[in-house]
Amino acid sequence: MGSTTSVAGQRQHAHHFKNGREEFEACKQGMWIFLVTEVLFFSGLFLAYAILRVFYPEMVAAAHHELDWKMGGLNTVVLLISSWTMARAVSAAQRGQAQKVVSFLLATFICAGIFMCVKYMEYSHKIHEGLLPGSLFSFKDLLSVDKVGLFFSVYFVMTGIHGLHVLIGMGLILWIMKRASRNEFGPNYFTPVEMLGLYWHFVDLVWIYLFPLLYLVS
């Protein structure tokens, strides 16, 4: 990507681009292509869920009551807040406000940490109760419901993969925070912060769909 200088946001563009603007547009286009592949990936999971709803509506309706909508709602609020703080971090980077970039990214990281802690508590409870995927399902109150293990298979796969994306995002946030603390971003160079913002908003958007589909079925 090229080296940075001591002046905030001043950076020599890569040699194969005519200028910094062309490099930025290429990076942005690449990120959108990546996000499209992510949409296709999650679309397969949403399709599996839709098939489950069509063929086993009563089972899905019964199983979803074992999900804690309050925890799901809390995580929804937390991620919405994190989207706002991420947007503020991008705005601060564009203005060359390094300290604000670090502060807003830290707030985003904390929100992500809260999300993962809540998800850990949810998973722990389900494992303890036997609300597990497929043949591992052993929750006595729902043993009489046909194919109920399928619902929790879909639940763990969808939320687990989403959680993995959150963890990856947390790692990227720490990396960008480190760079921001070195005053690398400013009006002339903020590409990494904006690309991170696009990724994070996508992760949040996926959860916005997961929450009502899994927790608010009825």
Foldseek 3Di string as FASTA:
>chain_A
DADFDLAFADTADDPVDPGLVRVLVVLVVVLVVVVVVVVVVVVVLVVLLVVCCVPQVVLLVVLLVLADLVLLVLLLVLLVVLLVLLVQLLVCLLALNLVSVLVSLVSSLVSLVVNVVSVVVRVVVCVVQQLEADPSRDRVVCPPPPPNNPLRVSVCVLVVVLNVLSVVLSVLSVVVSVCSVSSHGYNNHRSSSVSSSVSSVSSSVSSVVVSCSRNVVD
